[in-house]
Amino acid sequence: MLDRAAAQHADLARLDAFAPQLVTLTNSQAARVFAQSCWTRLPDTTRAAIHFAVIGPVTAAAAREAGLRVTIEPAEHDLRHLFEA
């Protein structure tokens, strides 16, 4: 059985290999957890390629405070408008 650190390392490797271009965040806690758990541990090349879509201003503020690049924020703060943005 893998220990927690090995499991986290494996998760980061999978995320890096997947090479996402957009990550969607629907609340400020998700932004903070994503930033704390993996953002700073991803390679610079992976981080440079990722943009973030957020549901509203509170989530945007938390994401930006955590160093995440917010590029999509809908004018109306609900899932439908986030999807359309």
Protein backbone atom coordinates (compact mmCIF):
# COMPACT_ATOMS: atom_id res chain seq x y z
CA MET A 1 0.00 0.00 0.00
CA LEU A 2 1.27 3.46 -0.91
CA ASP A 3 1.81 5.97 1.84
CA ARG A 4 0.18 9.38 1.59
CA ALA A 5 3.27 11.18 0.22
CA ALA A 6 3.74 8.56 -2.50
CA ALA A 7 0.07 8.77 -3.43
CA GLN A 8 0.27 12.58 -3.68
CA HIS A 9 3.39 12.31 -5.82
CA ALA A 10 1.59 9.87 -8.13
CA ASP A 11 -1.40 12.24 -8.36
CA LEU A 12 0.88 15.15 -9.29
CA ALA A 13 2.60 13.04 -11.94
CA ARG A 14 -0.79 12.15 -13.45
CA LEU A 15 -1.87 15.80 -13.44
CA ASP A 16 1.39 16.86 -15.07
CA ALA A 17 1.09 14.10 -17.71
CA PHE A 18 -2.52 15.12 -18.43
CA ALA A 19 -1.30 18.68 -19.12
CA PRO A 20 -4.57 20.53 -18.44
CA GLN A 21 -5.07 23.90 -20.08
CA LEU A 22 -8.05 24.96 -17.98
CA VAL A 23 -9.02 24.22 -14.38
CA THR A 24 -12.48 25.22 -13.13
CA LEU A 25 -12.89 26.40 -9.53
CA THR A 26 -16.34 26.83 -8.05
CA ASN A 27 -15.48 28.08 -4.57
CA SER A 28 -12.69 29.83 -2.70
CA GLN A 29 -11.81 26.76 -0.63
CA ALA A 30 -11.20 24.77 -3.83
CA ALA A 31 -8.80 27.50 -4.99
CA ARG A 32 -6.88 27.43 -1.73
CA VAL A 33 -6.73 23.62 -1.56
CA PHE A 34 -5.61 23.30 -5.18
CA ALA A 35 -2.89 25.92 -4.66
CA GLN A 36 -1.66 24.40 -1.39
CA SER A 37 -1.81 20.77 -2.41
CA CYS A 38 -0.27 20.84 -5.85
CA TRP A 39 0.13 24.16 -7.68
CA THR A 40 3.58 25.02 -6.37
CA ARG A 41 4.76 21.43 -6.81
CA LEU A 42 3.93 21.23 -10.52
CA PRO A 43 6.70 21.95 -13.03
CA ASP A 44 6.91 25.53 -14.30
CA THR A 45 6.03 24.42 -17.84
CA THR A 46 2.81 22.82 -16.64
CA ARG A 47 1.88 25.84 -14.49
CA ALA A 48 2.54 28.22 -17.38
CA ALA A 49 -0.01 26.41 -19.54
CA ILE A 50 -2.87 26.31 -17.03
CA HIS A 51 -5.60 28.95 -16.93
CA PHE A 52 -8.35 29.08 -14.31
CA ALA A 53 -12.08 29.62 -14.70
CA VAL A 54 -13.86 30.75 -11.54
CA ILE A 55 -17.51 31.12 -10.66
CA GLY A 56 -17.38 34.56 -9.06
CA PRO A 57 -15.43 37.35 -7.38
CA VAL A 58 -14.82 35.61 -4.05
CA THR A 59 -13.37 32.57 -5.79
CA ALA A 60 -11.38 34.83 -8.14
CA ALA A 61 -9.89 36.74 -5.21
CA ALA A 62 -8.89 33.52 -3.41
CA ALA A 63 -7.39 32.10 -6.61
CA ARG A 64 -5.40 35.24 -7.36
CA GLU A 65 -4.24 35.47 -3.75
CA ALA A 66 -2.95 31.90 -4.09
CA GLY A 67 -1.06 32.82 -7.26
CA LEU A 68 -3.42 31.21 -9.76
CA ARG A 69 -4.00 32.91 -13.13
CA VAL A 70 -7.72 33.62 -13.48
CA THR A 71 -8.73 34.15 -17.10
CA ILE A 72 -12.44 33.34 -17.03
CA GLU A 73 -14.99 34.85 -14.64
CA PRO A 74 -18.61 35.15 -15.78
CA ALA A 75 -20.55 38.36 -15.24
CA GLU A 76 -23.34 36.36 -13.57
CA HIS A 77 -22.06 34.03 -10.89
CA ASP A 78 -23.65 30.65 -11.50
CA LEU A 79 -22.67 27.41 -13.22
CA ARG A 80 -24.64 28.09 -16.39
CA HIS A 81 -22.84 31.38 -17.00
CA LEU A 82 -19.50 29.87 -16.04
CA PHE A 83 -20.04 27.14 -18.63
CA GLU A 84 -21.05 29.70 -21.25
CA ALA A 85 -18.04 31.90 -20.51
